[in-house]
mmCIF file of all heavy atoms, coordinates in Angstrom:
data_MODEL
# 
_entry.id   MODEL 
# 
loop_
_atom_site.group_PDB 
_atom_site.id 
_atom_site.type_symbol 
_atom_site.label_atom_id 
_atom_site.label_alt_id 
_atom_site.label_comp_id 
_atom_site.label_asym_id 
_atom_site.label_entity_id 
_atom_site.label_seq_id 
_atom_site.pdbx_PDB_ins_code 
_atom_site.Cartn_x 
_atom_site.Cartn_y 
_atom_site.Cartn_z 
_atom_site.occupancy 
_atom_site.B_iso_or_equiv 
_atom_site.pdbx_formal_charge 
_atom_site.auth_seq_id 
_atom_site.auth_comp_id 
_atom_site.auth_asym_id 
_atom_site.auth_atom_id 
_atom_site.pdbx_PDB_model_num 
ATOM 1   N N   . TRP A 1 1  ? -2.253  -31.863 -62.138 1.00 0.00 ? 1  TRP A N   1 
ATOM 2   C CA  . TRP A 1 1  ? -2.312  -31.109 -63.382 1.00 0.00 ? 1  TRP A CA  1 
ATOM 3   C C   . TRP A 1 1  ? -3.221  -31.737 -64.429 1.00 0.00 ? 1  TRP A C   1 
ATOM 4   O O   . TRP A 1 1  ? -4.010  -31.045 -65.069 1.00 0.00 ? 1  TRP A O   1 
ATOM 5   C CB  . TRP A 1 1  ? -0.913  -30.960 -63.987 1.00 0.00 ? 1  TRP A CB  1 
ATOM 6   C CG  . TRP A 1 1  ? -0.057  -29.920 -63.350 1.00 0.00 ? 1  TRP A CG  1 
ATOM 7   C CD1 . TRP A 1 1  ? 1.038   -30.126 -62.572 1.00 0.00 ? 1  TRP A CD1 1 
ATOM 8   C CD2 . TRP A 1 1  ? -0.215  -28.503 -63.451 1.00 0.00 ? 1  TRP A CD2 1 
ATOM 9   N NE1 . TRP A 1 1  ? 1.588   -28.928 -62.177 1.00 0.00 ? 1  TRP A NE1 1 
ATOM 10  C CE2 . TRP A 1 1  ? 0.830   -27.916 -62.703 1.00 0.00 ? 1  TRP A CE2 1 
ATOM 11  C CE3 . TRP A 1 1  ? -1.133  -27.670 -64.092 1.00 0.00 ? 1  TRP A CE3 1 
ATOM 12  C CZ2 . TRP A 1 1  ? 0.982   -26.536 -62.585 1.00 0.00 ? 1  TRP A CZ2 1 
ATOM 13  C CZ3 . TRP A 1 1  ? -0.982  -26.299 -63.966 1.00 0.00 ? 1  TRP A CZ3 1 
ATOM 14  C CH2 . TRP A 1 1  ? 0.060   -25.744 -63.223 1.00 0.00 ? 1  TRP A CH2 1 
ATOM 15  N N   . THR A 1 2  ? -3.118  -33.058 -64.616 1.00 0.00 ? 2  THR A N   1 
ATOM 16  C CA  . THR A 1 2  ? -3.807  -33.699 -65.731 1.00 0.00 ? 2  THR A CA  1 
ATOM 17  C C   . THR A 1 2  ? -5.256  -34.053 -65.438 1.00 0.00 ? 2  THR A C   1 
ATOM 18  O O   . THR A 1 2  ? -6.125  -33.863 -66.294 1.00 0.00 ? 2  THR A O   1 
ATOM 19  C CB  . THR A 1 2  ? -3.063  -34.969 -66.177 1.00 0.00 ? 2  THR A CB  1 
ATOM 20  O OG1 . THR A 1 2  ? -2.888  -35.852 -65.063 1.00 0.00 ? 2  THR A OG1 1 
ATOM 21  C CG2 . THR A 1 2  ? -1.703  -34.617 -66.761 1.00 0.00 ? 2  THR A CG2 1 
ATOM 22  N N   . THR A 1 3  ? -5.541  -34.566 -64.259 1.00 0.00 ? 3  THR A N   1 
ATOM 23  C CA  . THR A 1 3  ? -6.884  -35.035 -63.937 1.00 0.00 ? 3  THR A CA  1 
ATOM 24  C C   . THR A 1 3  ? -7.730  -34.006 -63.202 1.00 0.00 ? 3  THR A C   1 
ATOM 25  O O   . THR A 1 3  ? -8.958  -34.109 -63.194 1.00 0.00 ? 3  THR A O   1 
ATOM 26  C CB  . THR A 1 3  ? -6.835  -36.308 -63.085 1.00 0.00 ? 3  THR A CB  1 
ATOM 27  O OG1 . THR A 1 3  ? -6.250  -36.011 -61.813 1.00 0.00 ? 3  THR A OG1 1 
ATOM 28  C CG2 . THR A 1 3  ? -6.011  -37.388 -63.780 1.00 0.00 ? 3  THR A CG2 1 
ATOM 29  N N   . GLY A 1 4  ? -7.092  -33.026 -62.561 1.00 0.00 ? 4  GLY A N   1 
ATOM 30  C CA  . GLY A 1 4  ? -7.825  -32.075 -61.755 1.00 0.00 ? 4  GLY A CA  1 
ATOM 31  C C   . GLY A 1 4  ? -8.232  -32.599 -60.395 1.00 0.00 ? 4  GLY A C   1 
ATOM 32  O O   . GLY A 1 4  ? -8.981  -31.925 -59.675 1.00 0.00 ? 4  GLY A O   1 
ATOM 33  N N   . LEU A 1 5  ? -7.770  -33.778 -60.028 1.00 0.00 ? 5  LEU A N   1 
ATOM 34  C CA  . LEU A 1 5  ? -8.060  -34.338 -58.711 1.00 0.00 ? 5  LEU A CA  1 
ATOM 35  C C   . LEU A 1 5  ? -7.583  -33.383 -57.632 1.00 0.00 ? 5  LEU A C   1 
ATOM 36  O O   . LEU A 1 5  ? -6.458  -32.886 -57.686 1.00 0.00 ? 5  LEU A O   1 
ATOM 37  C CB  . LEU A 1 5  ? -7.370  -35.690 -58.556 1.00 0.00 ? 5  LEU A CB  1 
ATOM 38  C CG  . LEU A 1 5  ? -7.506  -36.382 -57.198 1.00 0.00 ? 5  LEU A CG  1 
ATOM 39  C CD1 . LEU A 1 5  ? -8.931  -36.885 -57.002 1.00 0.00 ? 5  LEU A CD1 1 
ATOM 40  C CD2 . LEU A 1 5  ? -6.512  -37.534 -57.088 1.00 0.00 ? 5  LEU A CD2 1 
ATOM 41  N N   . THR A 1 6  ? -8.427  -33.121 -56.634 1.00 0.00 ? 6  THR A N   1 
ATOM 42  C CA  . THR A 1 6  ? -8.097  -32.187 -55.563 1.00 0.00 ? 6  THR A CA  1 
ATOM 43  C C   . THR A 1 6  ? -8.125  -32.859 -54.202 1.00 0.00 ? 6  THR A C   1 
ATOM 44  O O   . THR A 1 6  ? -8.744  -33.900 -54.014 1.00 0.00 ? 6  THR A O   1 
ATOM 45  C CB  . THR A 1 6  ? -9.061  -30.992 -55.536 1.00 0.00 ? 6  THR A CB  1 
ATOM 46  O OG1 . THR A 1 6  ? -10.398 -31.463 -55.359 1.00 0.00 ? 6  THR A OG1 1 
ATOM 47  C CG2 . THR A 1 6  ? -8.966  -30.189 -56.820 1.00 0.00 ? 6  THR A CG2 1 
ATOM 48  N N   . GLN A 1 7  ? -7.457  -32.234 -53.255 1.00 0.00 ? 7  GLN A N   1 
ATOM 49  C CA  . GLN A 1 7  ? -7.445  -32.673 -51.866 1.00 0.00 ? 7  GLN A CA  1 
ATOM 50  C C   . GLN A 1 7  ? -7.366  -31.434 -50.989 1.00 0.00 ? 7  GLN A C   1 
ATOM 51  O O   . GLN A 1 7  ? -6.659  -30.480 -51.315 1.00 0.00 ? 7  GLN A O   1 
ATOM 52  C CB  . GLN A 1 7  ? -6.253  -33.592 -51.609 1.00 0.00 ? 7  GLN A CB  1 
ATOM 53  C CG  . GLN A 1 7  ? -6.256  -34.272 -50.248 1.00 0.00 ? 7  GLN A CG  1 
ATOM 54  C CD  . GLN A 1 7  ? -7.347  -35.308 -50.139 1.00 0.00 ? 7  GLN A CD  1 
ATOM 55  O OE1 . GLN A 1 7  ? -8.296  -35.135 -49.380 1.00 0.00 ? 7  GLN A OE1 1 
ATOM 56  N NE2 . GLN A 1 7  ? -7.245  -36.382 -50.909 1.00 0.00 ? 7  GLN A NE2 1 
ATOM 57  N N   . TYR A 1 8  ? -8.100  -31.452 -49.865 1.00 0.00 ? 8  TYR A N   1 
ATOM 58  C CA  . TYR A 1 8  ? -8.130  -30.311 -48.960 1.00 0.00 ? 8  TYR A CA  1 
ATOM 59  C C   . TYR A 1 8  ? -7.937  -30.749 -47.521 1.00 0.00 ? 8  TYR A C   1 
ATOM 60  O O   . TYR A 1 8  ? -8.385  -31.827 -47.118 1.00 0.00 ? 8  TYR A O   1 
ATOM 61  C CB  . TYR A 1 8  ? -9.472  -29.578 -49.049 1.00 0.00 ? 8  TYR A CB  1 
ATOM 62  C CG  . TYR A 1 8  ? -9.742  -28.922 -50.372 1.00 0.00 ? 8  TYR A CG  1 
ATOM 63  C CD1 . TYR A 1 8  ? -10.451 -29.590 -51.365 1.00 0.00 ? 8  TYR A CD1 1 
ATOM 64  C CD2 . TYR A 1 8  ? -9.292  -27.630 -50.627 1.00 0.00 ? 8  TYR A CD2 1 
ATOM 65  C CE1 . TYR A 1 8  ? -10.705 -28.989 -52.580 1.00 0.00 ? 8  TYR A CE1 1 
ATOM 66  C CE2 . TYR A 1 8  ? -9.545  -27.023 -51.842 1.00 0.00 ? 8  TYR A CE2 1 
ATOM 67  C CZ  . TYR A 1 8  ? -10.251 -27.707 -52.812 1.00 0.00 ? 8  TYR A CZ  1 
ATOM 68  O OH  . TYR A 1 8  ? -10.502 -27.099 -54.018 1.00 0.00 ? 8  TYR A OH  1 
ATOM 69  N N   . ALA A 1 9  ? -7.298  -29.887 -46.735 1.00 0.00 ? 9  ALA A N   1 
ATOM 70  C CA  . ALA A 1 9  ? -7.259  -30.084 -45.302 1.00 0.00 ? 9  ALA A CA  1 
ATOM 71  C C   . ALA A 1 9  ? -8.648  -29.831 -44.726 1.00 0.00 ? 9  ALA A C   1 
ATOM 72  O O   . ALA A 1 9  ? -9.397  -28.992 -45.234 1.00 0.00 ? 9  ALA A O   1 
ATOM 73  C CB  . ALA A 1 9  ? -6.251  -29.134 -44.661 1.00 0.00 ? 9  ALA A CB  1 
ATOM 74  N N   . ASP A 1 10 ? -8.991  -30.552 -43.666 1.00 0.00 ? 10 ASP A N   1 
ATOM 75  C CA  . ASP A 1 10 ? -10.304 -30.391 -43.053 1.00 0.00 ? 10 ASP A CA  1 
ATOM 76  C C   . ASP A 1 10 ? -10.564 -28.951 -42.604 1.00 0.00 ? 10 ASP A C   1 
ATOM 77  O O   . ASP A 1 10 ? -11.700 -28.470 -42.662 1.00 0.00 ? 10 ASP A O   1 
ATOM 78  C CB  . ASP A 1 10 ? -10.454 -31.332 -41.861 1.00 0.00 ? 10 ASP A CB  1 
ATOM 79  C CG  . ASP A 1 10 ? -10.589 -32.780 -42.266 1.00 0.00 ? 10 ASP A CG  1 
ATOM 80  O OD1 . ASP A 1 10 ? -10.920 -33.056 -43.433 1.00 0.00 ? 10 ASP A OD1 1 
ATOM 81  O OD2 . ASP A 1 10 ? -10.367 -33.649 -41.400 1.00 0.00 ? 10 ASP A OD2 1 
ATOM 82  N N   . SER A 1 11 ? -9.524  -28.262 -42.182 1.00 0.00 ? 11 SER A N   1 
ATOM 83  C CA  . SER A 1 11 ? -9.672  -26.920 -41.648 1.00 0.00 ? 11 SER A CA  1 
ATOM 84  C C   . SER A 1 11 ? -10.097 -25.884 -42.687 1.00 0.00 ? 11 SER A C   1 
ATOM 85  O O   . SER A 1 11 ? -10.584 -24.811 -42.324 1.00 0.00 ? 11 SER A O   1 
ATOM 86  C CB  . SER A 1 11 ? -8.368  -26.469 -40.978 1.00 0.00 ? 11 SER A CB  1 
ATOM 87  O OG  . SER A 1 11 ? -7.299  -26.485 -41.904 1.00 0.00 ? 11 SER A OG  1 
ATOM 88  N N   . VAL A 1 12 ? -9.907  -26.192 -43.971 1.00 0.00 ? 12 VAL A N   1 
ATOM 89  C CA  . VAL A 1 12 ? -10.241 -25.233 -45.016 1.00 0.00 ? 12 VAL A CA  1 
ATOM 90  C C   . VAL A 1 12 ? -11.323 -25.729 -45.959 1.00 0.00 ? 12 VAL A C   1 
ATOM 91  O O   . VAL A 1 12 ? -11.769 -24.970 -46.837 1.00 0.00 ? 12 VAL A O   1 
ATOM 92  C CB  . VAL A 1 12 ? -8.996  -24.832 -45.832 1.00 0.00 ? 12 VAL A CB  1 
ATOM 93  C CG1 . VAL A 1 12 ? -7.888  -24.337 -44.912 1.00 0.00 ? 12 VAL A CG1 1 
ATOM 94  C CG2 . VAL A 1 12 ? -8.505  -25.995 -46.692 1.00 0.00 ? 12 VAL A CG2 1 
ATOM 95  N N   . LYS A 1 13 ? -11.756 -26.953 -45.799 1.00 0.00 ? 13 LYS A N   1 
ATOM 96  C CA  . LYS A 1 13 ? -12.759 -27.539 -46.680 1.00 0.00 ? 13 LYS A CA  1 
ATOM 97  C C   . LYS A 1 13 ? -14.045 -26.712 -46.641 1.00 0.00 ? 13 LYS A C   1 
ATOM 98  O O   . LYS A 1 13 ? -14.557 -26.384 -45.575 1.00 0.00 ? 13 LYS A O   1 
ATOM 99  C CB  . LYS A 1 13 ? -13.024 -28.984 -46.266 1.00 0.00 ? 13 LYS A CB  1 
ATOM 100 C CG  . LYS A 1 13 ? -13.607 -29.859 -47.351 1.00 0.00 ? 13 LYS A CG  1 
ATOM 101 C CD  . LYS A 1 13 ? -13.580 -31.334 -46.929 1.00 0.00 ? 13 LYS A CD  1 
ATOM 102 C CE  . LYS A 1 13 ? -12.161 -31.834 -46.718 1.00 0.00 ? 13 LYS A CE  1 
ATOM 103 N NZ  . LYS A 1 13 ? -12.113 -33.256 -46.306 1.00 0.00 ? 13 LYS A NZ  1 
ATOM 104 N N   . GLY A 1 14 ? -14.556 -26.376 -47.812 1.00 0.00 ? 14 GLY A N   1 
ATOM 105 C CA  . GLY A 1 14 ? -15.748 -25.558 -47.912 1.00 0.00 ? 14 GLY A CA  1 
ATOM 106 C C   . GLY A 1 14 ? -15.476 -24.072 -47.965 1.00 0.00 ? 14 GLY A C   1 
ATOM 107 O O   . GLY A 1 14 ? -16.377 -23.296 -48.311 1.00 0.00 ? 14 GLY A O   1 
ATOM 108 N N   . ARG A 1 15 ? -14.265 -23.655 -47.626 1.00 0.00 ? 15 ARG A N   1 
ATOM 109 C CA  . ARG A 1 15 ? -13.900 -22.239 -47.661 1.00 0.00 ? 15 ARG A CA  1 
ATOM 110 C C   . ARG A 1 15 ? -12.876 -21.923 -48.744 1.00 0.00 ? 15 ARG A C   1 
ATOM 111 O O   . ARG A 1 15 ? -12.933 -20.857 -49.358 1.00 0.00 ? 15 ARG A O   1 
ATOM 112 C CB  . ARG A 1 15 ? -13.343 -21.790 -46.309 1.00 0.00 ? 15 ARG A CB  1 
ATOM 113 C CG  . ARG A 1 15 ? -14.337 -21.889 -45.164 1.00 0.00 ? 15 ARG A CG  1 
ATOM 114 C CD  . ARG A 1 15 ? -13.791 -21.216 -43.908 1.00 0.00 ? 15 ARG A CD  1 
ATOM 115 N NE  . ARG A 1 15 ? -12.574 -21.865 -43.422 1.00 0.00 ? 15 ARG A NE  1 
ATOM 116 C CZ  . ARG A 1 15 ? -11.413 -21.236 -43.220 1.00 0.00 ? 15 ARG A CZ  1 
ATOM 117 N NH1 . ARG A 1 15 ? -11.306 -19.938 -43.469 1.00 0.00 ? 15 ARG A NH1 1 
ATOM 118 N NH2 . ARG A 1 15 ? -10.367 -21.894 -42.760 1.00 0.00 ? 15 ARG A NH2 1 
ATOM 119 N N   . PHE A 1 16 ? -11.933 -22.833 -48.957 1.00 0.00 ? 16 PHE A N   1 
ATOM 120 C CA  . PHE A 1 16 ? -10.858 -22.624 -49.925 1.00 0.00 ? 16 PHE A CA  1 
ATOM 121 C C   . PHE A 1 16 ? -11.090 -23.494 -51.152 1.00 0.00 ? 16 PHE A C   1 
ATOM 122 O O   . PHE A 1 16 ? -11.609 -24.614 -51.050 1.00 0.00 ? 16 PHE A O   1 
ATOM 123 C CB  . PHE A 1 16 ? -9.501  -22.993 -49.331 1.00 0.00 ? 16 PHE A CB  1 
ATOM 124 C CG  . PHE A 1 16 ? -9.005  -22.086 -48.237 1.00 0.00 ? 16 PHE A CG  1 
ATOM 125 C CD1 . PHE A 1 16 ? -9.803  -21.097 -47.685 1.00 0.00 ? 16 PHE A CD1 1 
ATOM 126 C CD2 . PHE A 1 16 ? -7.706  -22.232 -47.756 1.00 0.00 ? 16 PHE A CD2 1 
ATOM 127 C CE1 . PHE A 1 16 ? -9.341  -20.273 -46.674 1.00 0.00 ? 16 PHE A CE1 1 
ATOM 128 C CE2 . PHE A 1 16 ? -7.227  -21.410 -46.744 1.00 0.00 ? 16 PHE A CE2 1 
ATOM 129 C CZ  . PHE A 1 16 ? -8.043  -20.434 -46.205 1.00 0.00 ? 16 PHE A CZ  1 
ATOM 130 N N   . THR A 1 17 ? -10.678 -23.002 -52.308 1.00 0.00 ? 17 THR A N   1 
ATOM 131 C CA  . THR A 1 17 ? -10.755 -23.760 -53.547 1.00 0.00 ? 17 THR A CA  1 
ATOM 132 C C   . THR A 1 17 ? -9.444  -23.642 -54.303 1.00 0.00 ? 17 THR A C   1 
ATOM 133 O O   . THR A 1 17 ? -8.975  -22.530 -54.561 1.00 0.00 ? 17 THR A O   1 
ATOM 134 C CB  . THR A 1 17 ? -11.901 -23.266 -54.441 1.00 0.00 ? 17 THR A CB  1 
ATOM 135 O OG1 . THR A 1 17 ? -13.144 -23.346 -53.739 1.00 0.00 ? 17 THR A OG1 1 
ATOM 136 C CG2 . THR A 1 17 ? -11.995 -24.123 -55.704 1.00 0.00 ? 17 THR A CG2 1 
ATOM 137 N N   . ILE A 1 18 ? -8.866  -24.779 -54.668 1.00 0.00 ? 18 ILE A N   1 
ATOM 138 C CA  . ILE A 1 18 ? -7.662  -24.776 -55.478 1.00 0.00 ? 18 ILE A CA  1 
ATOM 139 C C   . ILE A 1 18 ? -8.049  -25.038 -56.930 1.00 0.00 ? 18 ILE A C   1 
ATOM 140 O O   . ILE A 1 18 ? -8.954  -25.827 -57.214 1.00 0.00 ? 18 ILE A O   1 
ATOM 141 C CB  . ILE A 1 18 ? -6.637  -25.821 -54.985 1.00 0.00 ? 18 ILE A CB  1 
ATOM 142 C CG1 . ILE A 1 18 ? -5.293  -25.654 -55.708 1.00 0.00 ? 18 ILE A CG1 1 
ATOM 143 C CG2 . ILE A 1 18 ? -7.165  -27.242 -55.130 1.00 0.00 ? 18 ILE A CG2 1 
ATOM 144 C CD1 . ILE A 1 18 ? -4.161  -26.480 -55.102 1.00 0.00 ? 18 ILE A CD1 1 
ATOM 145 N N   . SER A 1 19 ? -7.381  -24.365 -57.844 1.00 0.00 ? 19 SER A N   1 
ATOM 146 C CA  . SER A 1 19 ? -7.622  -24.564 -59.264 1.00 0.00 ? 19 SER A CA  1 
ATOM 147 C C   . SER A 1 19 ? -6.316  -24.392 -60.021 1.00 0.00 ? 19 SER A C   1 
ATOM 148 O O   . SER A 1 19 ? -5.351  -23.838 -59.487 1.00 0.00 ? 19 SER A O   1 
ATOM 149 C CB  . SER A 1 19 ? -8.681  -23.591 -59.788 1.00 0.00 ? 19 SER A CB  1 
ATOM 150 O OG  . SER A 1 19 ? -8.259  -22.248 -59.631 1.00 0.00 ? 19 SER A OG  1 
ATOM 151 N N   . ARG A 1 20 ? -6.295  -24.885 -61.263 1.00 0.00 ? 20 ARG A N   1 
ATOM 152 C CA  . ARG A 1 20 ? -5.088  -24.746 -62.058 1.00 0.00 ? 20 ARG A CA  1 
ATOM 153 C C   . ARG A 1 20 ? -5.430  -24.316 -63.469 1.00 0.00 ? 20 ARG A C   1 
ATOM 154 O O   . ARG A 1 20 ? -6.492  -24.642 -63.997 1.00 0.00 ? 20 ARG A O   1 
ATOM 155 C CB  . ARG A 1 20 ? -4.259  -26.044 -62.047 1.00 0.00 ? 20 ARG A CB  1 
ATOM 156 C CG  . ARG A 1 20 ? -4.568  -27.080 -63.127 1.00 0.00 ? 20 ARG A CG  1 
ATOM 157 C CD  . ARG A 1 20 ? -5.838  -27.833 -62.887 1.00 0.00 ? 20 ARG A CD  1 
ATOM 158 N NE  . ARG A 1 20 ? -5.891  -29.045 -63.698 1.00 0.00 ? 20 ARG A NE  1 
ATOM 159 C CZ  . ARG A 1 20 ? -7.003  -29.645 -64.097 1.00 0.00 ? 20 ARG A CZ  1 
ATOM 160 N NH1 . ARG A 1 20 ? -8.184  -29.160 -63.728 1.00 0.00 ? 20 ARG A NH1 1 
ATOM 161 N NH2 . ARG A 1 20 ? -6.938  -30.746 -64.836 1.00 0.00 ? 20 ARG A NH2 1 
ATOM 162 N N   . ASP A 1 21 ? -4.516  -23.556 -64.069 1.00 0.00 ? 21 ASP A N   1 
ATOM 163 C CA  . ASP A 1 21 ? -4.593  -23.128 -65.452 1.00 0.00 ? 21 ASP A CA  1 
ATOM 164 C C   . ASP A 1 21 ? -3.422  -23.778 -66.169 1.00 0.00 ? 21 ASP A C   1 
ATOM 165 O O   . ASP A 1 21 ? -2.281  -23.331 -66.036 1.00 0.00 ? 21 ASP A O   1 
ATOM 166 C CB  . ASP A 1 21 ? -4.531  -21.605 -65.549 1.00 0.00 ? 21 ASP A CB  1 
ATOM 167 C CG  . ASP A 1 21 ? -4.729  -21.095 -66.961 1.00 0.00 ? 21 ASP A CG  1 
ATOM 168 O OD1 . ASP A 1 21 ? -4.381  -21.808 -67.918 1.00 0.00 ? 21 ASP A OD1 1 
ATOM 169 O OD2 . ASP A 1 21 ? -5.222  -19.964 -67.106 1.00 0.00 ? 21 ASP A OD2 1 
ATOM 170 N N   . ASN A 1 22 ? -3.697  -24.843 -66.908 1.00 0.00 ? 22 ASN A N   1 
ATOM 171 C CA  . ASN A 1 22 ? -2.630  -25.611 -67.541 1.00 0.00 ? 22 ASN A CA  1 
ATOM 172 C C   . ASN A 1 22 ? -1.918  -24.834 -68.644 1.00 0.00 ? 22 ASN A C   1 
ATOM 173 O O   . ASN A 1 22 ? -0.747  -25.077 -68.918 1.00 0.00 ? 22 ASN A O   1 
ATOM 174 C CB  . ASN A 1 22 ? -3.180  -26.921 -68.106 1.00 0.00 ? 22 ASN A CB  1 
ATOM 175 C CG  . ASN A 1 22 ? -3.704  -27.844 -67.036 1.00 0.00 ? 22 ASN A CG  1 
ATOM 176 O OD1 . ASN A 1 22 ? -4.756  -27.595 -66.451 1.00 0.00 ? 22 ASN A OD1 1 
ATOM 177 N ND2 . ASN A 1 22 ? -2.968  -28.914 -66.765 1.00 0.00 ? 22 ASN A ND2 1 
ATOM 178 N N   . ILE A 1 23 ? -2.623  -23.904 -69.275 1.00 0.00 ? 23 ILE A N   1 
ATOM 179 C CA  . ILE A 1 23 ? -2.017  -23.127 -70.349 1.00 0.00 ? 23 ILE A CA  1 
ATOM 180 C C   . ILE A 1 23 ? -0.996  -22.144 -69.794 1.00 0.00 ? 23 ILE A C   1 
ATOM 181 O O   . ILE A 1 23 ? 0.088   -21.962 -70.342 1.00 0.00 ? 23 ILE A O   1 
ATOM 182 C CB  . ILE A 1 23 ? -3.083  -22.380 -71.174 1.00 0.00 ? 23 ILE A CB  1 
ATOM 183 C CG1 . ILE A 1 23 ? -4.097  -23.371 -71.748 1.00 0.00 ? 23 ILE A CG1 1 
ATOM 184 C CG2 . ILE A 1 23 ? -2.425  -21.566 -72.281 1.00 0.00 ? 23 ILE A CG2 1 
ATOM 185 C CD1 . ILE A 1 23 ? -3.492  -24.439 -72.631 1.00 0.00 ? 23 ILE A CD1 1 
ATOM 186 N N   . ARG A 1 24 ? -1.351  -21.492 -68.692 1.00 0.00 ? 24 ARG A N   1 
ATOM 187 C CA  . ARG A 1 24 ? -0.482  -20.489 -68.088 1.00 0.00 ? 24 ARG A CA  1 
ATOM 188 C C   . ARG A 1 24 ? 0.443   -21.059 -67.023 1.00 0.00 ? 24 ARG A C   1 
ATOM 189 O O   . ARG A 1 24 ? 1.235   -20.320 -66.434 1.00 0.00 ? 24 ARG A O   1 
ATOM 190 C CB  . ARG A 1 24 ? -1.317  -19.360 -67.498 1.00 0.00 ? 24 ARG A CB  1 
ATOM 191 C CG  . ARG A 1 24 ? -2.067  -18.560 -68.542 1.00 0.00 ? 24 ARG A CG  1 
ATOM 192 C CD  . ARG A 1 24 ? -3.019  -17.557 -67.913 1.00 0.00 ? 24 ARG A CD  1 
ATOM 193 N NE  . ARG A 1 24 ? -3.658  -16.726 -68.926 1.00 0.00 ? 24 ARG A NE  1 
ATOM 194 C CZ  . ARG A 1 24 ? -4.712  -17.102 -69.641 1.00 0.00 ? 24 ARG A CZ  1 
ATOM 195 N NH1 . ARG A 1 24 ? -5.257  -18.294 -69.470 1.00 0.00 ? 24 ARG A NH1 1 
ATOM 196 N NH2 . ARG A 1 24 ? -5.230  -16.271 -70.546 1.00 0.00 ? 24 ARG A NH2 1 
ATOM 197 N N   . ASN A 1 25 ? 0.346   -22.370 -66.754 1.00 0.00 ? 25 ASN A N   1 
ATOM 198 C CA  . ASN A 1 25 ? 1.157   -23.013 -65.716 1.00 0.00 ? 25 ASN A CA  1 
ATOM 199 C C   . ASN A 1 25 ? 1.042   -22.276 -64.384 1.00 0.00 ? 25 ASN A C   1 
ATOM 200 O O   . ASN A 1 25 ? 2.045   -22.015 -63.706 1.00 0.00 ? 25 ASN A O   1 
ATOM 201 C CB  . ASN A 1 25 ? 2.618   -23.107 -66.153 1.00 0.00 ? 25 ASN A CB  1 
ATOM 202 C CG  . ASN A 1 25 ? 2.866   -24.239 -67.127 1.00 0.00 ? 25 ASN A CG  1 
ATOM 203 O OD1 . ASN A 1 25 ? 2.435   -25.365 -66.910 1.00 0.00 ? 25 ASN A OD1 1 
ATOM 204 N ND2 . ASN A 1 25 ? 3.579   -23.939 -68.204 1.00 0.00 ? 25 ASN A ND2 1 
ATOM 205 N N   . THR A 1 26 ? -0.179  -21.973 -64.016 1.00 0.00 ? 26 THR A N   1 
ATOM 206 C CA  . THR A 1 26 ? -0.442  -21.230 -62.796 1.00 0.00 ? 26 THR A CA  1 
ATOM 207 C C   . THR A 1 26 ? -1.500  -21.939 -61.968 1.00 0.00 ? 26 THR A C   1 
ATOM 208 O O   . THR A 1 26 ? -2.488  -22.449 -62.516 1.00 0.00 ? 26 THR A O   1 
ATOM 209 C CB  . THR A 1 26 ? -0.897  -19.797 -63.113 1.00 0.00 ? 26 THR A CB  1 
ATOM 210 O OG1 . THR A 1 26 ? 0.125   -19.125 -63.852 1.00 0.00 ? 26 THR A OG1 1 
ATOM 211 C CG2 . THR A 1 26 ? -1.166  -19.012 -61.834 1.00 0.00 ? 26 THR A CG2 1 
ATOM 212 N N   . VAL A 1 27 ? -1.287  -21.987 -60.669 1.00 0.00 ? 27 VAL A N   1 
ATOM 213 C CA  . VAL A 1 27 ? -2.233  -22.561 -59.725 1.00 0.00 ? 27 VAL A CA  1 
ATOM 214 C C   . VAL A 1 27 ? -2.725  -21.462 -58.800 1.00 0.00 ? 27 VAL A C   1 
ATOM 215 O O   . VAL A 1 27 ? -1.952  -20.580 -58.411 1.00 0.00 ? 27 VAL A O   1 
ATOM 216 C CB  . VAL A 1 27 ? -1.590  -23.708 -58.927 1.00 0.00 ? 27 VAL A CB  1 
ATOM 217 C CG1 . VAL A 1 27 ? -2.504  -24.180 -57.805 1.00 0.00 ? 27 VAL A CG1 1 
ATOM 218 C CG2 . VAL A 1 27 ? -1.265  -24.872 -59.845 1.00 0.00 ? 27 VAL A CG2 1 
# 
């Protein structure tokens, strides 16, 4: 939440993107 540090499984790297909206508490 605070740093935006991300991690991905190898199977989805380059295809999937995770993001977060801290104001709306939504990922």
